[in-house]
Amino acid sequence: MDGCPFCGIAAGRIEAARVWEDDDVVAFLDRTPIREGHTLITPRLHAEDFVQLPASVAAHIQEVGQRLARRMKMVYRVERVAFLYTGGDLPHVHAHVVPMHEKTDITSARYIVRPEEVVYDSSHLTTSMAALEAVARNLRLG
């Protein structure tokens, strides 16, 4: 779909630190990661949310997520890896795979003790492509 950044990444028009790709999905590092290694898995097919995904593509996203989670556990020496679909920020279905160093790595801002200090701007979290590529080398699936 024209103008969709994830379609642009899937087509190779937009740069991304890829850790996996095949005919159906692309997995790449998040530019504003919760933790190092935070990866997005998105289908090449444009679907606005996971309800619209064919079941076979959703199952494939989960399979790639499980493979990445096993890799993250080894690379980051963590016990748990989060896997979740979101859809509020961009209308192209995508799953997040995040190595969890703390129980609070995946949480809602409403659980923060001082919500008045929460800044809903991620510009300070943006990671350079060079730094993302260094991480991607460790996470790429073979």
N, C-alpha and C. Protein backbone atom coordinates (compact mmCIF):
# COMPACT_ATOMS: atom_id res chain seq x y z
N MET A 1 0.85 -1.18 0.00
CA MET A 1 0.00 0.00 0.00
C MET A 1 0.90 1.24 0.00
N ASP A 2 0.61 2.18 -0.86
CA ASP A 2 1.40 3.40 -0.95
C ASP A 2 1.39 4.15 0.37
N GLY A 3 2.56 4.59 0.80
CA GLY A 3 2.67 5.39 2.01
C GLY A 3 2.80 4.59 3.29
N CYS A 4 2.61 3.29 3.24
CA CYS A 4 2.73 2.46 4.44
C CYS A 4 4.21 2.13 4.67
N PRO A 5 4.78 2.57 5.80
CA PRO A 5 6.20 2.31 6.02
C PRO A 5 6.55 0.82 6.07
N PHE A 6 5.67 -0.01 6.63
CA PHE A 6 6.00 -1.43 6.70
C PHE A 6 5.94 -2.09 5.33
N CYS A 7 5.05 -1.62 4.47
CA CYS A 7 5.05 -2.10 3.08
C CYS A 7 6.35 -1.67 2.39
N GLY A 8 6.80 -0.44 2.70
CA GLY A 8 8.07 0.05 2.14
C GLY A 8 9.25 -0.77 2.60
N ILE A 9 9.26 -1.16 3.88
CA ILE A 9 10.33 -2.02 4.40
C ILE A 9 10.27 -3.38 3.72
N ALA A 10 9.07 -3.96 3.64
CA ALA A 10 8.91 -5.28 3.02
C ALA A 10 9.38 -5.28 1.57
N ALA A 11 9.15 -4.17 0.87
CA ALA A 11 9.54 -4.07 -0.54
C ALA A 11 11.00 -3.66 -0.72
N GLY A 12 11.67 -3.29 0.37
CA GLY A 12 13.07 -2.87 0.28
C GLY A 12 13.26 -1.41 -0.06
N ARG A 13 12.18 -0.63 -0.06
CA ARG A 13 12.29 0.80 -0.36
C ARG A 13 12.71 1.61 0.86
N ILE A 14 12.50 1.05 2.05
CA ILE A 14 12.87 1.72 3.29
C ILE A 14 13.87 0.84 4.02
N GLU A 15 14.93 1.47 4.49
CA GLU A 15 16.01 0.76 5.17
C GLU A 15 15.54 0.21 6.52
N ALA A 16 15.97 -1.01 6.81
CA ALA A 16 15.67 -1.64 8.09
C ALA A 16 16.77 -2.65 8.41
N ALA A 17 17.01 -2.86 9.69
CA ALA A 17 17.98 -3.87 10.14
C ALA A 17 17.23 -5.19 10.23
N ARG A 18 17.28 -5.96 9.17
CA ARG A 18 16.52 -7.20 9.06
C ARG A 18 17.21 -8.34 9.79
N VAL A 19 16.41 -9.15 10.47
CA VAL A 19 16.95 -10.34 11.12
C VAL A 19 16.37 -11.61 10.50
N TRP A 20 15.30 -11.46 9.71
CA TRP A 20 14.70 -12.59 9.00
C TRP A 20 13.79 -12.06 7.92
N GLU A 21 13.76 -12.77 6.80
CA GLU A 21 12.75 -12.50 5.79
C GLU A 21 12.55 -13.73 4.94
N ASP A 22 11.34 -13.90 4.48
CA ASP A 22 11.00 -14.97 3.57
C ASP A 22 9.88 -14.45 2.67
N ASP A 23 9.23 -15.32 1.97
CA ASP A 23 8.19 -14.89 1.03
C ASP A 23 6.99 -14.23 1.70
N ASP A 24 6.76 -14.54 2.99
CA ASP A 24 5.56 -14.06 3.66
C ASP A 24 5.76 -12.97 4.70
N VAL A 25 6.92 -12.96 5.36
CA VAL A 25 7.14 -12.01 6.46
C VAL A 25 8.53 -11.40 6.41
N VAL A 26 8.64 -10.26 7.10
CA VAL A 26 9.93 -9.60 7.31
C VAL A 26 10.04 -9.31 8.81
N ALA A 27 11.18 -9.63 9.40
CA ALA A 27 11.44 -9.32 10.81
C ALA A 27 12.62 -8.36 10.85
N PHE A 28 12.44 -7.25 11.56
CA PHE A 28 13.48 -6.22 11.61
C PHE A 28 13.46 -5.55 12.97
N LEU A 29 14.57 -4.93 13.32
CA LEU A 29 14.70 -4.30 14.62
C LEU A 29 13.90 -3.00 14.69
N ASP A 30 13.25 -2.80 15.83
CA ASP A 30 12.48 -1.59 16.09
C ASP A 30 13.44 -0.41 16.23
N ARG A 31 13.11 0.71 15.60
CA ARG A 31 13.97 1.91 15.68
C ARG A 31 13.86 2.60 17.04
N THR A 32 12.82 2.30 17.80
CA THR A 32 12.67 2.86 19.15
C THR A 32 12.44 1.69 20.11
N PRO A 33 13.48 0.91 20.34
CA PRO A 33 13.31 -0.34 21.09
C PRO A 33 13.03 -0.15 22.58
N ILE A 34 12.23 -1.06 23.11
CA ILE A 34 12.02 -1.14 24.56
C ILE A 34 13.31 -1.65 25.19
N ARG A 35 13.89 -2.66 24.58
CA ARG A 35 15.17 -3.25 24.98
C ARG A 35 15.95 -3.56 23.70
N GLU A 36 17.27 -3.63 23.81
CA GLU A 36 18.08 -4.03 22.67
C GLU A 36 17.55 -5.37 22.15
N GLY A 37 17.43 -5.48 20.84
CA GLY A 37 16.93 -6.69 20.23
C GLY A 37 15.44 -6.66 19.92
N HIS A 38 14.72 -5.66 20.40
CA HIS A 38 13.28 -5.52 20.16
C HIS A 38 13.04 -5.61 18.65
N THR A 39 12.32 -6.63 18.25
CA THR A 39 12.12 -6.93 16.84
C THR A 39 10.64 -6.86 16.47
N LEU A 40 10.37 -6.37 15.28
CA LEU A 40 9.02 -6.36 14.72
C LEU A 40 8.94 -7.42 13.64
N ILE A 41 7.84 -8.15 13.61
CA ILE A 41 7.59 -9.10 12.53
C ILE A 41 6.32 -8.65 11.84
N THR A 42 6.41 -8.43 10.54
CA THR A 42 5.27 -7.93 9.79
C THR A 42 5.10 -8.75 8.52
N PRO A 43 3.86 -8.97 8.11
CA PRO A 43 3.65 -9.69 6.86
C PRO A 43 3.93 -8.77 5.67
N ARG A 44 4.33 -9.37 4.58
CA ARG A 44 4.48 -8.59 3.34
C ARG A 44 3.11 -8.13 2.85
N LEU A 45 2.10 -8.93 3.09
CA LEU A 45 0.72 -8.60 2.77
C LEU A 45 0.26 -7.45 3.65
N HIS A 46 -0.32 -6.43 3.06
CA HIS A 46 -0.82 -5.32 3.86
C HIS A 46 -2.15 -5.70 4.49
N ALA A 47 -2.18 -5.77 5.81
CA ALA A 47 -3.40 -5.99 6.57
C ALA A 47 -3.35 -5.02 7.73
N GLU A 48 -4.44 -4.32 7.99
CA GLU A 48 -4.41 -3.27 9.02
C GLU A 48 -4.30 -3.81 10.43
N ASP A 49 -4.88 -4.99 10.71
CA ASP A 49 -4.74 -5.56 12.04
C ASP A 49 -4.75 -7.08 11.95
N PHE A 50 -4.44 -7.73 13.06
CA PHE A 50 -4.27 -9.17 13.01
C PHE A 50 -5.56 -9.92 12.73
N VAL A 51 -6.70 -9.30 12.95
CA VAL A 51 -7.98 -9.93 12.64
C VAL A 51 -8.11 -10.17 11.13
N GLN A 52 -7.51 -9.31 10.33
CA GLN A 52 -7.58 -9.43 8.87
C GLN A 52 -6.57 -10.42 8.29
N LEU A 53 -5.63 -10.88 9.10
CA LEU A 53 -4.59 -11.79 8.60
C LEU A 53 -5.13 -13.17 8.29
N PRO A 54 -4.70 -13.76 7.19
CA PRO A 54 -5.02 -15.18 6.99
C PRO A 54 -4.38 -15.98 8.14
N ALA A 55 -5.07 -17.00 8.61
CA ALA A 55 -4.58 -17.79 9.75
C ALA A 55 -3.19 -18.36 9.49
N SER A 56 -2.92 -18.74 8.26
CA SER A 56 -1.60 -19.32 7.96
C SER A 56 -0.49 -18.30 8.13
N VAL A 57 -0.74 -17.04 7.80
CA VAL A 57 0.27 -15.99 7.96
C VAL A 57 0.45 -15.66 9.44
N ALA A 58 -0.65 -15.61 10.18
CA ALA A 58 -0.55 -15.38 11.63
C ALA A 58 0.25 -16.48 12.30
N ALA A 59 0.01 -17.73 11.90
CA ALA A 59 0.77 -18.85 12.47
C ALA A 59 2.24 -18.75 12.11
N HIS A 60 2.53 -18.29 10.90
CA HIS A 60 3.94 -18.15 10.49
C HIS A 60 4.62 -17.03 11.28
N ILE A 61 3.92 -15.94 11.52
CA ILE A 61 4.48 -14.86 12.35
C ILE A 61 4.82 -15.41 13.74
N GLN A 62 3.92 -16.20 14.30
CA GLN A 62 4.18 -16.77 15.62
C GLN A 62 5.38 -17.72 15.58
N GLU A 63 5.50 -18.52 14.55
CA GLU A 63 6.62 -19.46 14.43
C GLU A 63 7.94 -18.70 14.35
N VAL A 64 7.98 -17.63 13.55
CA VAL A 64 9.19 -16.80 13.47
C VAL A 64 9.46 -16.15 14.82
N GLY A 65 8.41 -15.70 15.49
CA GLY A 65 8.56 -15.11 16.83
C GLY A 65 9.15 -16.09 17.82
N GLN A 66 8.72 -17.34 17.78
CA GLN A 66 9.28 -18.35 18.68
C GLN A 66 10.75 -18.60 18.37
N ARG A 67 11.10 -18.66 17.11
CA ARG A 67 12.51 -18.84 16.75
C ARG A 67 13.35 -17.67 17.25
N LEU A 68 12.84 -16.45 17.06
CA LEU A 68 13.55 -15.27 17.55
C LEU A 68 13.66 -15.28 19.07
N ALA A 69 12.59 -15.68 19.75
CA ALA A 69 12.61 -15.72 21.21
C ALA A 69 13.70 -16.68 21.71
N ARG A 70 13.82 -17.84 21.08
CA ARG A 70 14.88 -18.77 21.48
C ARG A 70 16.25 -18.14 21.28
N ARG A 71 16.41 -17.45 20.18
CA ARG A 71 17.69 -16.77 19.90
C ARG A 71 17.95 -15.67 20.93
N MET A 72 16.93 -14.88 21.24
CA MET A 72 17.08 -13.80 22.22
C MET A 72 17.43 -14.33 23.59
N LYS A 73 16.82 -15.44 23.99
CA LYS A 73 17.15 -16.02 25.29
C LYS A 73 18.63 -16.38 25.36
N MET A 74 19.16 -16.88 24.26
CA MET A 74 20.58 -17.24 24.22
C MET A 74 21.46 -15.98 24.18
N VAL A 75 21.16 -15.05 23.31
CA VAL A 75 22.00 -13.85 23.14
C VAL A 75 21.96 -12.96 24.38
N TYR A 76 20.76 -12.73 24.94
CA TYR A 76 20.61 -11.79 26.05
C TYR A 76 20.55 -12.45 27.42
N ARG A 77 20.56 -13.77 27.45
CA ARG A 77 20.53 -14.52 28.71
C ARG A 77 19.35 -14.09 29.59
N VAL A 78 18.17 -14.07 28.96
CA VAL A 78 16.95 -13.73 29.67
C VAL A 78 16.07 -14.97 29.78
N GLU A 79 15.22 -14.99 30.81
CA GLU A 79 14.31 -16.12 30.99
C GLU A 79 13.06 -16.01 30.15
N ARG A 80 12.64 -14.75 29.88
CA ARG A 80 11.38 -14.55 29.17
C ARG A 80 11.55 -13.58 28.02
N VAL A 81 10.73 -13.81 27.01
CA VAL A 81 10.67 -12.93 25.85
C VAL A 81 9.18 -12.66 25.59
N ALA A 82 8.83 -11.39 25.45
CA ALA A 82 7.44 -11.02 25.20
C ALA A 82 7.13 -11.11 23.70
N PHE A 83 5.92 -11.53 23.40
CA PHE A 83 5.42 -11.57 22.02
C PHE A 83 4.03 -10.97 22.06
N LEU A 84 3.82 -9.90 21.30
CA LEU A 84 2.50 -9.28 21.30
C LEU A 84 2.23 -8.58 19.99
N TYR A 85 0.96 -8.56 19.65
CA TYR A 85 0.50 -7.77 18.50
C TYR A 85 0.04 -6.44 19.03
N THR A 86 0.34 -5.39 18.27
CA THR A 86 -0.24 -4.09 18.56
C THR A 86 -0.75 -3.52 17.25
N GLY A 87 -1.40 -2.41 17.33
CA GLY A 87 -1.93 -1.85 16.09
C GLY A 87 -2.34 -0.41 16.23
N GLY A 88 -2.08 0.19 17.36
CA GLY A 88 -2.49 1.57 17.56
C GLY A 88 -1.63 2.59 16.88
N ASP A 89 -0.38 2.26 16.64
CA ASP A 89 0.55 3.26 16.13
C ASP A 89 0.66 3.27 14.61
N LEU A 90 0.41 2.15 13.97
CA LEU A 90 0.56 2.06 12.52
C LEU A 90 -0.43 1.04 11.98
N PRO A 91 -1.23 1.39 10.98
CA PRO A 91 -2.23 0.46 10.48
C PRO A 91 -1.66 -0.58 9.50
N HIS A 92 -0.69 -1.36 9.97
CA HIS A 92 -0.18 -2.53 9.25
C HIS A 92 0.18 -3.52 10.35
N VAL A 93 -0.48 -4.66 10.37
CA VAL A 93 -0.30 -5.61 11.46
C VAL A 93 1.18 -5.93 11.67
N HIS A 94 1.55 -5.99 12.94
CA HIS A 94 2.92 -6.36 13.27
C HIS A 94 2.97 -6.91 14.68
N ALA A 95 3.89 -7.82 14.89
CA ALA A 95 4.10 -8.39 16.21
C ALA A 95 5.42 -7.86 16.75
N HIS A 96 5.48 -7.69 18.05
CA HIS A 96 6.69 -7.28 18.74
C HIS A 96 7.27 -8.49 19.46
N VAL A 97 8.57 -8.66 19.39
CA VAL A 97 9.27 -9.70 20.13
C VAL A 97 10.35 -8.96 20.94
N VAL A 98 10.24 -9.02 22.28
CA VAL A 98 11.09 -8.19 23.14
C VAL A 98 11.72 -9.04 24.24
N PRO A 99 13.06 -9.07 24.30
CA PRO A 99 13.70 -9.76 25.42
C PRO A 99 13.39 -9.00 26.71
N MET A 100 12.91 -9.72 27.72
CA MET A 100 12.49 -9.07 28.97
C MET A 100 13.55 -9.24 30.05
N HIS A 101 14.15 -8.12 30.40
CA HIS A 101 15.13 -8.10 31.49
C HIS A 101 14.45 -7.83 32.82
N GLU A 102 13.32 -7.13 32.77
CA GLU A 102 12.53 -6.79 33.96
C GLU A 102 11.06 -7.12 33.68
N LYS A 103 10.31 -7.45 34.72
CA LYS A 103 8.88 -7.73 34.55
C LYS A 103 8.15 -6.54 33.96
N THR A 104 8.64 -5.35 34.19
CA THR A 104 7.96 -4.13 33.73
C THR A 104 8.38 -3.68 32.34
N ASP A 105 9.17 -4.48 31.63
CA ASP A 105 9.59 -4.09 30.28
C ASP A 105 8.40 -3.92 29.34
N ILE A 106 7.38 -4.72 29.52
CA ILE A 106 6.16 -4.59 28.72
C ILE A 106 5.04 -4.25 29.70
N THR A 107 4.63 -3.00 29.67
CA THR A 107 3.58 -2.57 30.59
C THR A 107 2.87 -1.35 30.03
N SER A 108 1.85 -0.96 30.66
CA SER A 108 1.10 0.22 30.27
C SER A 108 1.56 1.41 31.11
N ALA A 109 1.53 2.58 30.52
CA ALA A 109 1.90 3.80 31.25
C ALA A 109 1.02 4.01 32.47
N ARG A 110 -0.19 3.47 32.48
CA ARG A 110 -1.08 3.69 33.63
C ARG A 110 -0.57 3.00 34.89
N TYR A 111 0.38 2.08 34.75
CA TYR A 111 0.94 1.42 35.92
C TYR A 111 2.15 2.16 36.50
N ILE A 112 2.59 3.19 35.84
CA ILE A 112 3.72 3.97 36.32
C ILE A 112 3.26 4.81 37.51
N VAL A 113 4.09 4.86 38.53
CA VAL A 113 3.70 5.53 39.78
C VAL A 113 3.41 7.01 39.56
N ARG A 114 4.19 7.67 38.70
CA ARG A 114 4.00 9.11 38.50
C ARG A 114 3.66 9.39 37.03
N PRO A 115 2.43 9.19 36.65
CA PRO A 115 2.06 9.34 35.24
C PRO A 115 2.30 10.74 34.69
N GLU A 116 2.35 11.75 35.57
CA GLU A 116 2.60 13.11 35.08
C GLU A 116 4.01 13.25 34.50
N GLU A 117 4.89 12.30 34.80
CA GLU A 117 6.27 12.34 34.28
C GLU A 117 6.43 11.58 32.96
N VAL A 118 5.39 10.90 32.54
CA VAL A 118 5.46 10.13 31.31
C VAL A 118 5.45 11.09 30.12
N VAL A 119 6.39 10.91 29.22
CA VAL A 119 6.46 11.70 27.99
C VAL A 119 6.09 10.77 26.85
N TYR A 120 5.05 11.09 26.13
CA TYR A 120 4.59 10.23 25.03
C TYR A 120 5.24 10.64 23.71
N ASP A 121 6.54 10.72 23.72
CA ASP A 121 7.32 11.06 22.54
C ASP A 121 8.52 10.14 22.54
N SER A 122 8.71 9.40 21.49
CA SER A 122 9.80 8.42 21.46
C SER A 122 11.04 8.91 20.73
N SER A 123 11.10 10.17 20.37
CA SER A 123 12.24 10.65 19.58
C SER A 123 13.57 10.43 20.28
N HIS A 124 13.59 10.50 21.61
CA HIS A 124 14.84 10.29 22.35
C HIS A 124 15.26 8.82 22.36
N LEU A 125 14.38 7.93 21.93
CA LEU A 125 14.69 6.50 21.92
C LEU A 125 15.19 5.99 20.57
N THR A 126 15.12 6.81 19.55
CA THR A 126 15.49 6.37 18.22
C THR A 126 16.95 5.91 18.19
N THR A 127 17.16 4.75 17.61
CA THR A 127 18.47 4.13 17.54
C THR A 127 19.02 4.26 16.13
N SER A 128 20.30 4.51 16.00
CA SER A 128 20.90 4.67 14.67
C SER A 128 20.90 3.35 13.91
N MET A 129 20.89 3.44 12.59
CA MET A 129 20.91 2.24 11.76
C MET A 129 22.19 1.44 12.00
N ALA A 130 23.31 2.09 12.21
CA ALA A 130 24.57 1.38 12.47
C ALA A 130 24.48 0.55 13.75
N ALA A 131 23.89 1.13 14.79
CA ALA A 131 23.73 0.39 16.05
C ALA A 131 22.75 -0.77 15.87
N LEU A 132 21.68 -0.54 15.11
CA LEU A 132 20.72 -1.61 14.86
C LEU A 132 21.35 -2.75 14.07
N GLU A 133 22.17 -2.43 13.09
CA GLU A 133 22.83 -3.47 12.30
C GLU A 133 23.77 -4.31 13.16
N ALA A 134 24.45 -3.69 14.12
CA ALA A 134 25.32 -4.44 15.03
C ALA A 134 24.51 -5.45 15.84
N VAL A 135 23.35 -5.05 16.30
CA VAL A 135 22.47 -5.96 17.04
C VAL A 135 21.92 -7.04 16.11
N ALA A 136 21.52 -6.65 14.90
CA ALA A 136 20.95 -7.59 13.94
C ALA A 136 21.90 -8.74 13.63
N ARG A 137 23.18 -8.45 13.57
CA ARG A 137 24.16 -9.52 13.29
C ARG A 137 24.07 -10.64 14.32
N ASN A 138 23.79 -10.31 15.57
CA ASN A 138 23.68 -11.32 16.62
C ASN A 138 22.37 -12.07 16.60
N LEU A 139 21.33 -11.47 16.04
CA LEU A 139 20.00 -12.08 16.09
C LEU A 139 19.56 -12.76 14.80
N ARG A 140 20.27 -12.56 13.71
CA ARG A 140 19.81 -13.11 12.44
C ARG A 140 19.63 -14.62 12.53
N LEU A 141 18.52 -15.05 11.98
CA LEU A 141 18.21 -16.47 11.95
C LEU A 141 18.78 -17.06 10.66
N GLY A 142 19.34 -18.24 10.77
CA GLY A 142 19.96 -18.86 9.59
C GLY A 142 19.10 -19.85 8.90
